[in-house]
Amino acid sequence: MSDPRIPQNGATRWGGSDPRQGAQPYPEPAGSPAHPQSPYAEQYPGQPYPGQHAAQHAADTGQHRVPADEAYPPARHRLPGKPLPEPPAGLAVGAIVAACCLLFVELAELAILLVTDGRGEAAAGFGFSPRFDPNSDTITILFGLAAYVATCIWLQAGRRFAEAADPTARFAHGRVWTWLAWWVPVVFLWFPYQVVRDIRTAVVPDDDRRVSLGLWWFFALLAGLRLIAPSSGEAEVAVRSIAVVALTLAFAHWIRMIREITRAQEQAAGLG
């Protein structure tokens, strides 16, 4: 049995030289000048250098070697984000139109009341029976109901958009209070304000809030004096006049606030 360390049949000893093959690549270290084909034989600017070239590269460029796991982090697969619902811009227009119609009816009724100085005279002057009195509450109730439905539909869509745009947003009340807050006894004095406030806070940045929410709600409550106005006399004219002025101011703030929220929704959805 032959020893593998002893050359057999004229073979060259390991680590030696063979004139037919030239110099052996080992035990010379990889990357040495004797092996120009080494991947680290040349300096490539901007690349991390291992071994003996790292110190020279850091001295030349002032950069330290970046570990391989930091220079080339593993690829991360991210799930596509859930798209936001379409901003309810059309519903916002509907809420504005309904509010305009309600304000127009209130102004018309106040004008009739001022000209005729009484409901009975208004009915006789315009040739209507009391059942079709243009100054009666029937028309106001119908337009008020239309404004209520349009506003609640828009707020409900705005609530869904706000929850999708900011999952961490906090709401003082559940979704059902978008509809109930306006007429449930006692709580109607502040619940509607909180509903609108939370929707606005979720989508409108602090720097973009130009409308005073407190003033809007103050004028809206003041406009509610119309519901407790006397049925006749100068007191009715005075109370209705105050209520209509307050309603006009609340309407101005309401329109600006709807536009502010709609603009923020479109920007969040990438449409603005």
C-alpha atoms as a PDB file:
ATOM      1  CA  MET A   1       0.000   0.000   0.000  1.00  0.00           C
ATOM      2  CA  SER A   2       1.520   3.283  -1.124  1.00  0.00           C
ATOM      3  CA  ASP A   3       1.727   6.470   0.910  1.00  0.00           C
ATOM      4  CA  PRO A   4      -0.332   9.309  -0.712  1.00  0.00           C
ATOM      5  CA  ARG A   5       2.257  11.819   0.499  1.00  0.00           C
ATOM      6  CA  ILE A   6       4.969  10.158  -1.659  1.00  0.00           C
ATOM      7  CA  PRO A   7       4.826  11.143  -5.327  1.00  0.00           C
ATOM      8  CA  GLN A   8       3.939   8.249  -7.575  1.00  0.00           C
ATOM      9  CA  ASN A   9       4.774   7.901 -11.265  1.00  0.00           C
ATOM     10  CA  GLY A  10       6.548  11.208 -11.441  1.00  0.00           C
ATOM     11  CA  ALA A  11       3.709  13.277  -9.989  1.00  0.00           C
ATOM     12  CA  THR A  12       4.544  16.633  -8.501  1.00  0.00           C
ATOM     13  CA  ARG A  13       4.520  16.933  -4.698  1.00  0.00           C
ATOM     14  CA  TRP A  14       1.618  18.967  -3.284  1.00  0.00           C
ATOM     15  CA  GLY A  15       2.537  22.593  -2.871  1.00  0.00           C
ATOM     16  CA  GLY A  16       5.397  22.309  -5.297  1.00  0.00           C
ATOM     17  CA  SER A  17       5.685  23.482  -8.863  1.00  0.00           C
ATOM     18  CA  ASP A  18       5.102  21.789 -12.140  1.00  0.00           C
ATOM     19  CA  PRO A  19       6.836  23.307 -15.168  1.00  0.00           C
ATOM     20  CA  ARG A  20       3.959  22.104 -17.299  1.00  0.00           C
ATOM     21  CA  GLN A  21       1.306  23.883 -15.198  1.00  0.00           C
ATOM     22  CA  GLY A  22       3.133  26.892 -13.881  1.00  0.00           C
ATOM     23  CA  ALA A  23       2.787  28.196 -10.323  1.00  0.00           C
ATOM     24  CA  GLN A  24       0.143  26.530  -8.154  1.00  0.00           C
ATOM     25  CA  PRO A  25      -2.646  28.826  -6.796  1.00  0.00           C
ATOM     26  CA  TYR A  26      -2.275  27.519  -3.268  1.00  0.00           C
ATOM     27  CA  PRO A  27      -1.286  28.024  -0.515  1.00  0.00           C
ATOM     28  CA  GLU A  28      -1.220  31.667  -1.666  1.00  0.00           C
ATOM     29  CA  PRO A  29      -4.191  33.516  -0.036  1.00  0.00           C
ATOM     30  CA  ALA A  30      -7.105  34.468  -2.239  1.00  0.00           C
ATOM     31  CA  GLY A  31      -7.017  38.085  -3.348  1.00  0.00           C
ATOM     32  CA  SER A  32      -3.228  38.354  -3.350  1.00  0.00           C
ATOM     33  CA  PRO A  33      -1.391  40.056  -6.244  1.00  0.00           C
ATOM     34  CA  ALA A  34      -0.372  36.624  -7.457  1.00  0.00           C
ATOM     35  CA  HIS A  35      -3.960  35.885  -8.438  1.00  0.00           C
ATOM     36  CA  PRO A  36      -5.369  38.821 -10.435  1.00  0.00           C
ATOM     37  CA  GLN A  37      -8.484  36.816 -11.243  1.00  0.00           C
ATOM     38  CA  SER A  38      -9.611  36.948  -7.638  1.00  0.00           C
ATOM     39  CA  PRO A  39     -12.885  38.922  -7.247  1.00  0.00           C
ATOM     40  CA  TYR A  40     -11.170  41.144  -4.706  1.00  0.00           C
ATOM     41  CA  ALA A  41      -7.957  41.740  -6.642  1.00  0.00           C
ATOM     42  CA  GLU A  42      -9.137  45.150  -7.821  1.00  0.00           C
ATOM     43  CA  GLN A  43     -10.755  47.926  -5.815  1.00  0.00           C
ATOM     44  CA  TYR A  44     -14.239  48.883  -6.895  1.00  0.00           C
ATOM     45  CA  PRO A  45     -15.366  52.221  -5.411  1.00  0.00           C
ATOM     46  CA  GLY A  46     -18.621  52.157  -3.521  1.00  0.00           C
ATOM     47  CA  GLN A  47     -18.536  48.418  -2.703  1.00  0.00           C
ATOM     48  CA  PRO A  48     -17.888  46.838   0.726  1.00  0.00           C
ATOM     49  CA  TYR A  49     -14.392  45.301   0.799  1.00  0.00           C
ATOM     50  CA  PRO A  50     -13.634  42.210   2.852  1.00  0.00           C
ATOM     51  CA  GLY A  51     -10.245  41.126   4.134  1.00  0.00           C
ATOM     52  CA  GLN A  52      -7.135  43.117   3.505  1.00  0.00           C
ATOM     53  CA  HIS A  53      -8.806  45.699   1.231  1.00  0.00           C
ATOM     54  CA  ALA A  54     -11.301  46.916   3.847  1.00  0.00           C
ATOM     55  CA  ALA A  55      -8.801  49.055   5.758  1.00  0.00           C
ATOM     56  CA  GLN A  56      -7.391  50.576   2.576  1.00  0.00           C
ATOM     57  CA  HIS A  57     -10.901  51.350   1.272  1.00  0.00           C
ATOM     58  CA  ALA A  58     -11.883  52.968   4.581  1.00  0.00           C
ATOM     59  CA  ALA A  59      -8.711  55.057   4.563  1.00  0.00           C
ATOM     60  CA  ASP A  60      -9.241  56.207   0.985  1.00  0.00           C
ATOM     61  CA  THR A  61     -12.948  56.988   1.138  1.00  0.00           C
ATOM     62  CA  GLY A  62     -13.535  57.661   4.830  1.00  0.00           C
ATOM     63  CA  GLN A  63     -16.209  54.968   4.826  1.00  0.00           C
ATOM     64  CA  HIS A  64     -16.316  51.973   7.087  1.00  0.00           C
ATOM     65  CA  ARG A  65     -17.107  48.524   5.911  1.00  0.00           C
ATOM     66  CA  VAL A  66     -20.825  47.748   5.840  1.00  0.00           C
ATOM     67  CA  PRO A  67     -21.775  44.272   7.025  1.00  0.00           C
ATOM     68  CA  ALA A  68     -23.236  42.113   4.311  1.00  0.00           C
ATOM     69  CA  ASP A  69     -26.535  41.690   6.138  1.00  0.00           C
ATOM     70  CA  GLU A  70     -26.881  45.488   6.380  1.00  0.00           C
ATOM     71  CA  ALA A  71     -25.599  46.333   2.912  1.00  0.00           C
ATOM     72  CA  TYR A  72     -27.936  43.848   1.303  1.00  0.00           C
ATOM     73  CA  PRO A  73     -30.948  43.339   3.579  1.00  0.00           C
ATOM     74  CA  PRO A  74     -33.301  40.512   2.702  1.00  0.00           C
ATOM     75  CA  ALA A  75     -36.204  41.462   0.507  1.00  0.00           C
ATOM     76  CA  ARG A  76     -39.474  42.003   2.362  1.00  0.00           C
ATOM     77  CA  HIS A  77     -42.742  41.203   0.736  1.00  0.00           C
ATOM     78  CA  ARG A  78     -45.393  43.752   1.693  1.00  0.00           C
ATOM     79  CA  LEU A  79     -49.032  43.207   1.138  1.00  0.00           C
ATOM     80  CA  PRO A  80     -50.705  45.958  -0.874  1.00  0.00           C
ATOM     81  CA  GLY A  81     -52.622  48.419   1.287  1.00  0.00           C
ATOM     82  CA  LYS A  82     -56.380  48.331   1.318  1.00  0.00           C
ATOM     83  CA  PRO A  83     -57.670  51.064  -1.006  1.00  0.00           C
ATOM     84  CA  LEU A  84     -59.687  53.851   0.517  1.00  0.00           C
ATOM     85  CA  PRO A  85     -63.353  54.175  -0.383  1.00  0.00           C
ATOM     86  CA  GLU A  86     -64.301  56.896  -2.782  1.00  0.00           C
ATOM     87  CA  PRO A  87     -64.769  60.262  -1.046  1.00  0.00           C
ATOM     88  CA  PRO A  88     -68.509  61.049  -0.722  1.00  0.00           C
ATOM     89  CA  ALA A  89     -68.262  64.298  -2.692  1.00  0.00           C
ATOM     90  CA  GLY A  90     -71.643  63.757  -4.340  1.00  0.00           C
ATOM     91  CA  LEU A  91     -73.340  63.229  -0.989  1.00  0.00           C
ATOM     92  CA  ALA A  92     -71.655  66.404   0.272  1.00  0.00           C
ATOM     93  CA  VAL A  93     -73.262  68.344  -2.589  1.00  0.00           C
ATOM     94  CA  GLY A  94     -76.624  66.822  -1.673  1.00  0.00           C
ATOM     95  CA  ALA A  95     -76.246  67.898   1.951  1.00  0.00           C
ATOM     96  CA  ILE A  96     -75.383  71.439   0.834  1.00  0.00           C
ATOM     97  CA  VAL A  97     -78.374  71.646  -1.519  1.00  0.00           C
ATOM     98  CA  ALA A  98     -80.748  70.352   1.172  1.00  0.00           C
ATOM     99  CA  ALA A  99     -79.418  72.916   3.664  1.00  0.00           C
ATOM    100  CA  CYS A 100     -79.857  75.688   1.067  1.00  0.00           C
ATOM    101  CA  CYS A 101     -83.477  74.700   0.481  1.00  0.00           C
ATOM    102  CA  LEU A 102     -84.224  74.673   4.208  1.00  0.00           C
ATOM    103  CA  LEU A 103     -82.658  78.107   4.659  1.00  0.00           C
ATOM    104  CA  PHE A 104     -84.646  79.470   1.697  1.00  0.00           C
ATOM    105  CA  VAL A 105     -87.920  78.212   3.186  1.00  0.00           C
ATOM    106  CA  GLU A 106     -87.120  79.777   6.550  1.00  0.00           C
ATOM    107  CA  LEU A 107     -86.267  83.119   4.928  1.00  0.00           C
ATOM    108  CA  ALA A 108     -89.462  83.009   2.851  1.00  0.00           C
ATOM    109  CA  GLU A 109     -91.611  82.271   5.885  1.00  0.00           C
ATOM    110  CA  LEU A 110     -90.004  85.099   7.843  1.00  0.00           C
ATOM    111  CA  ALA A 111     -90.538  87.490   4.934  1.00  0.00           C
ATOM    112  CA  ILE A 112     -94.216  86.525   4.713  1.00  0.00           C
ATOM    113  CA  LEU A 113     -94.568  86.924   8.458  1.00  0.00           C
ATOM    114  CA  LEU A 114     -93.026  90.398   8.376  1.00  0.00           C
ATOM    115  CA  VAL A 115     -95.160  91.559   5.441  1.00  0.00           C
ATOM    116  CA  THR A 116     -98.486  90.162   6.623  1.00  0.00           C
ATOM    117  CA  ASP A 117     -97.874  90.605  10.343  1.00  0.00           C
ATOM    118  CA  GLY A 118     -99.684  87.383  11.201  1.00  0.00           C
ATOM    119  CA  ARG A 119    -100.525  83.911   9.950  1.00  0.00           C
ATOM    120  CA  GLY A 120    -104.218  84.553   9.375  1.00  0.00           C
ATOM    121  CA  GLU A 121    -103.562  87.620   7.261  1.00  0.00           C
ATOM    122  CA  ALA A 122    -100.960  85.665   5.297  1.00  0.00           C
ATOM    123  CA  ALA A 123    -103.465  82.971   4.455  1.00  0.00           C
ATOM    124  CA  ALA A 124    -106.097  85.458   3.353  1.00  0.00           C
ATOM    125  CA  GLY A 125    -103.676  87.661   1.448  1.00  0.00           C
ATOM    126  CA  PHE A 126    -102.284  84.815  -0.642  1.00  0.00           C
ATOM    127  CA  GLY A 127    -105.671  83.178  -1.200  1.00  0.00           C
ATOM    128  CA  PHE A 128    -104.856  79.943   0.634  1.00  0.00           C
ATOM    129  CA  SER A 129    -106.910  78.174   3.210  1.00  0.00           C
ATOM    130  CA  PRO A 130    -105.204  77.519   6.570  1.00  0.00           C
ATOM    131  CA  ARG A 131    -104.513  73.973   5.409  1.00  0.00           C
ATOM    132  CA  PHE A 132    -102.274  75.242   2.592  1.00  0.00           C
ATOM    133  CA  ASP A 133    -100.904  78.246   4.428  1.00  0.00           C
ATOM    134  CA  PRO A 134     -97.441  78.964   2.953  1.00  0.00           C
ATOM    135  CA  ASN A 135     -96.399  80.161   6.391  1.00  0.00           C
ATOM    136  CA  SER A 136     -97.380  76.891   8.076  1.00  0.00           C
ATOM    137  CA  ASP A 137     -94.942  74.397   9.562  1.00  0.00           C
ATOM    138  CA  THR A 138     -95.721  71.698   6.997  1.00  0.00           C
ATOM    139  CA  ILE A 139     -93.307  72.979   4.344  1.00  0.00           C
ATOM    140  CA  THR A 140     -90.597  73.590   6.924  1.00  0.00           C
ATOM    141  CA  ILE A 141     -90.965  70.076   8.300  1.00  0.00           C
ATOM    142  CA  LEU A 142     -90.693  68.534   4.835  1.00  0.00           C
ATOM    143  CA  PHE A 143     -87.560  70.461   3.915  1.00  0.00           C
ATOM    144  CA  GLY A 144     -86.133  69.909   7.383  1.00  0.00           C
ATOM    145  CA  LEU A 145     -86.639  66.154   6.995  1.00  0.00           C
ATOM    146  CA  ALA A 146     -84.936  66.225   3.593  1.00  0.00           C
ATOM    147  CA  ALA A 147     -81.979  68.130   5.061  1.00  0.00           C
ATOM    148  CA  TYR A 148     -81.772  65.669   7.952  1.00  0.00           C
ATOM    149  CA  VAL A 149     -81.690  62.603   5.673  1.00  0.00           C
ATOM    150  CA  ALA A 150     -79.144  64.121   3.262  1.00  0.00           C
ATOM    151  CA  THR A 151     -76.897  65.225   6.119  1.00  0.00           C
ATOM    152  CA  CYS A 152     -76.983  61.872   7.907  1.00  0.00           C
ATOM    153  CA  ILE A 153     -76.241  59.933   4.710  1.00  0.00           C
ATOM    154  CA  TRP A 154     -73.234  62.156   4.069  1.00  0.00           C
ATOM    155  CA  LEU A 155     -72.018  61.838   7.671  1.00  0.00           C
ATOM    156  CA  GLN A 156     -72.388  58.071   7.544  1.00  0.00           C
ATOM    157  CA  ALA A 157     -70.276  57.870   4.376  1.00  0.00           C
ATOM    158  CA  GLY A 158     -67.794  60.302   5.920  1.00  0.00           C
ATOM    159  CA  ARG A 159     -67.544  58.088   9.001  1.00  0.00           C
ATOM    160  CA  ARG A 160     -66.721  55.029   6.872  1.00  0.00           C
ATOM    161  CA  PHE A 161     -64.081  56.986   4.975  1.00  0.00           C
ATOM    162  CA  ALA A 162     -62.553  58.318   8.199  1.00  0.00           C
ATOM    163  CA  GLU A 163     -62.314  54.827   9.686  1.00  0.00           C
ATOM    164  CA  ALA A 164     -60.558  53.561   6.542  1.00  0.00           C
ATOM    165  CA  ALA A 165     -58.214  56.553   6.293  1.00  0.00           C
ATOM    166  CA  ASP A 166     -57.205  56.455   9.961  1.00  0.00           C
ATOM    167  CA  PRO A 167     -57.841  53.094  11.670  1.00  0.00           C
ATOM    168  CA  THR A 168     -56.545  54.578  14.943  1.00  0.00           C
ATOM    169  CA  ALA A 169     -59.112  57.407  14.946  1.00  0.00           C
ATOM    170  CA  ARG A 170     -61.329  57.589  18.009  1.00  0.00           C
ATOM    171  CA  PHE A 171     -65.061  58.232  17.894  1.00  0.00           C
ATOM    172  CA  ALA A 172     -67.081  59.224  20.918  1.00  0.00           C
ATOM    173  CA  HIS A 173     -70.180  57.337  19.751  1.00  0.00           C
ATOM    174  CA  GLY A 174     -71.141  54.411  17.552  1.00  0.00           C
ATOM    175  CA  ARG A 175     -72.237  54.641  13.950  1.00  0.00           C
ATOM    176  CA  VAL A 176     -75.930  54.536  14.833  1.00  0.00           C
ATOM    177  CA  TRP A 177     -75.618  57.919  16.531  1.00  0.00           C
ATOM    178  CA  THR A 178     -74.964  59.479  13.157  1.00  0.00           C
ATOM    179  CA  TRP A 179     -78.751  59.216  12.771  1.00  0.00           C
ATOM    180  CA  LEU A 180     -80.011  59.275  16.351  1.00  0.00           C
ATOM    181  CA  ALA A 181     -77.949  62.141  17.737  1.00  0.00           C
ATOM    182  CA  TRP A 182     -80.078  64.854  16.136  1.00  0.00           C
ATOM    183  CA  TRP A 183     -83.427  64.092  17.752  1.00  0.00           C
ATOM    184  CA  VAL A 184     -82.943  61.911  20.860  1.00  0.00           C
ATOM    185  CA  PRO A 185     -84.064  64.057  23.833  1.00  0.00           C
ATOM    186  CA  VAL A 186     -81.408  65.838  25.887  1.00  0.00           C
ATOM    187  CA  VAL A 187     -78.392  64.346  24.085  1.00  0.00           C
ATOM    188  CA  PHE A 188     -79.271  66.229  20.897  1.00  0.00           C
ATOM    189  CA  LEU A 189     -77.751  69.267  22.616  1.00  0.00           C
ATOM    190  CA  TRP A 190     -74.175  67.968  22.192  1.00  0.00           C
ATOM    191  CA  PHE A 191     -74.107  64.577  20.405  1.00  0.00           C
ATOM    192  CA  PRO A 192     -74.351  66.032  16.863  1.00  0.00           C
ATOM    193  CA  TYR A 193     -71.419  68.305  17.618  1.00  0.00           C
ATOM    194  CA  GLN A 194     -69.329  65.298  18.700  1.00  0.00           C
ATOM    195  CA  VAL A 195     -70.315  63.257  15.648  1.00  0.00           C
ATOM    196  CA  VAL A 196     -69.181  65.970  13.242  1.00  0.00           C
ATOM    197  CA  ARG A 197     -66.103  66.742  15.337  1.00  0.00           C
ATOM    198  CA  ASP A 198     -64.831  63.157  15.280  1.00  0.00           C
ATOM    199  CA  ILE A 199     -65.291  62.773  11.524  1.00  0.00           C
ATOM    200  CA  ARG A 200     -63.533  66.057  10.904  1.00  0.00           C
ATOM    201  CA  THR A 201     -60.658  65.286  13.278  1.00  0.00           C
ATOM    202  CA  ALA A 202     -59.979  61.926  11.584  1.00  0.00           C
ATOM    203  CA  VAL A 203     -59.402  63.391   8.105  1.00  0.00           C
ATOM    204  CA  VAL A 204     -58.576  67.109   8.425  1.00  0.00           C
ATOM    205  CA  PRO A 205     -55.090  67.985   9.751  1.00  0.00           C
ATOM    206  CA  ASP A 206     -54.871  70.572  12.509  1.00  0.00           C
ATOM    207  CA  ASP A 207     -53.235  73.165  10.251  1.00  0.00           C
ATOM    208  CA  ASP A 208     -56.036  72.903   7.656  1.00  0.00           C
ATOM    209  CA  ARG A 209     -58.949  73.573  10.009  1.00  0.00           C
ATOM    210  CA  ARG A 210     -60.252  77.023   9.176  1.00  0.00           C
ATOM    211  CA  VAL A 211     -63.852  76.753  10.379  1.00  0.00           C
ATOM    212  CA  SER A 212     -64.859  77.117  14.027  1.00  0.00           C
ATOM    213  CA  LEU A 213     -66.860  74.035  14.923  1.00  0.00           C
ATOM    214  CA  GLY A 214     -67.963  75.636  18.172  1.00  0.00           C
ATOM    215  CA  LEU A 215     -69.452  78.674  16.425  1.00  0.00           C
ATOM    216  CA  TRP A 216     -71.298  76.466  13.965  1.00  0.00           C
ATOM    217  CA  TRP A 217     -72.946  74.486  16.735  1.00  0.00           C
ATOM    218  CA  PHE A 218     -73.723  77.605  18.796  1.00  0.00           C
ATOM    219  CA  PHE A 219     -75.586  79.200  15.882  1.00  0.00           C
ATOM    220  CA  ALA A 220     -77.315  75.900  15.123  1.00  0.00           C
ATOM    221  CA  LEU A 221     -78.634  75.684  18.675  1.00  0.00           C
ATOM    222  CA  LEU A 222     -79.675  79.330  18.573  1.00  0.00           C
ATOM    223  CA  ALA A 223     -81.619  78.637  15.392  1.00  0.00           C
ATOM    224  CA  GLY A 224     -83.598  76.076  17.362  1.00  0.00           C
ATOM    225  CA  LEU A 225     -85.433  78.939  19.064  1.00  0.00           C
ATOM    226  CA  ARG A 226     -87.766  78.751  16.094  1.00  0.00           C
ATOM    227  CA  LEU A 227     -89.223  75.560  17.578  1.00  0.00           C
ATOM    228  CA  ILE A 228     -90.305  77.330  20.770  1.00  0.00           C
ATOM    229  CA  ALA A 229     -91.428  80.606  19.195  1.00  0.00           C
ATOM    230  CA  PRO A 230     -94.902  81.913  20.166  1.00  0.00           C
ATOM    231  CA  SER A 231     -97.669  81.257  17.661  1.00  0.00           C
ATOM    232  CA  SER A 232     -98.550  84.911  17.067  1.00  0.00           C
ATOM    233  CA  GLY A 233     -97.730  88.488  17.950  1.00  0.00           C
ATOM    234  CA  GLU A 234     -94.592  90.557  18.008  1.00  0.00           C
ATOM    235  CA  ALA A 235     -92.812  87.983  20.118  1.00  0.00           C
ATOM    236  CA  GLU A 236     -93.099  85.482  17.303  1.00  0.00           C
ATOM    237  CA  VAL A 237     -91.605  87.917  14.815  1.00  0.00           C
ATOM    238  CA  ALA A 238     -88.705  88.696  17.148  1.00  0.00           C
ATOM    239  CA  VAL A 239     -87.925  85.070  17.963  1.00  0.00           C
ATOM    240  CA  ARG A 240     -88.250  83.955  14.358  1.00  0.00           C
ATOM    241  CA  SER A 241     -85.982  86.788  13.224  1.00  0.00           C
ATOM    242  CA  ILE A 242     -83.285  85.790  15.697  1.00  0.00           C
ATOM    243  CA  ALA A 243     -83.640  82.144  14.687  1.00  0.00           C
ATOM    244  CA  VAL A 244     -83.331  82.889  10.961  1.00  0.00           C
ATOM    245  CA  VAL A 245     -80.250  85.073  11.461  1.00  0.00           C
ATOM    246  CA  ALA A 246     -78.649  82.321  13.547  1.00  0.00           C
ATOM    247  CA  LEU A 247     -79.614  79.731  10.933  1.00  0.00           C
ATOM    248  CA  THR A 248     -77.982  81.817   8.215  1.00  0.00           C
ATOM    249  CA  LEU A 249     -74.735  82.061  10.168  1.00  0.00           C
ATOM    250  CA  ALA A 250     -74.812  78.351  10.994  1.00  0.00           C
ATOM    251  CA  PHE A 251     -75.458  77.606   7.324  1.00  0.00           C
ATOM    252  CA  ALA A 252     -72.376  79.632   6.282  1.00  0.00           C
ATOM    253  CA  HIS A 253     -70.162  77.721   8.726  1.00  0.00           C
ATOM    254  CA  TRP A 254     -71.751  74.409   7.739  1.00  0.00           C
ATOM    255  CA  ILE A 255     -71.035  74.876   4.025  1.00  0.00           C
ATOM    256  CA  ARG A 256     -67.422  75.802   4.697  1.00  0.00           C
ATOM    257  CA  MET A 257     -67.002  72.816   6.977  1.00  0.00           C
ATOM    258  CA  ILE A 258     -68.446  70.387   4.410  1.00  0.00           C
ATOM    259  CA  ARG A 259     -66.068  71.727   1.785  1.00  0.00           C
ATOM    260  CA  GLU A 260     -63.150  71.499   4.215  1.00  0.00           C
ATOM    261  CA  ILE A 261     -63.883  67.858   5.036  1.00  0.00           C
ATOM    262  CA  THR A 262     -64.465  66.967   1.387  1.00  0.00           C
ATOM    263  CA  ARG A 263     -61.174  68.564   0.342  1.00  0.00           C
ATOM    264  CA  ALA A 264     -59.294  66.607   3.020  1.00  0.00           C
ATOM    265  CA  GLN A 265     -60.991  63.363   1.952  1.00  0.00           C
ATOM    266  CA  GLU A 266     -59.969  63.882  -1.667  1.00  0.00           C
ATOM    267  CA  GLN A 267     -56.387  64.627  -0.653  1.00  0.00           C
ATOM    268  CA  ALA A 268     -56.251  61.493   1.494  1.00  0.00           C
ATOM    269  CA  ALA A 269     -57.545  59.444  -1.433  1.00  0.00           C
ATOM    270  CA  GLY A 270     -54.959  60.976  -3.773  1.00  0.00           C
ATOM    271  CA  LEU A 271     -57.518  62.911  -5.800  1.00  0.00           C
ATOM    272  CA  GLY A 272     -56.710  66.416  -4.616  1.00  0.00           C
END
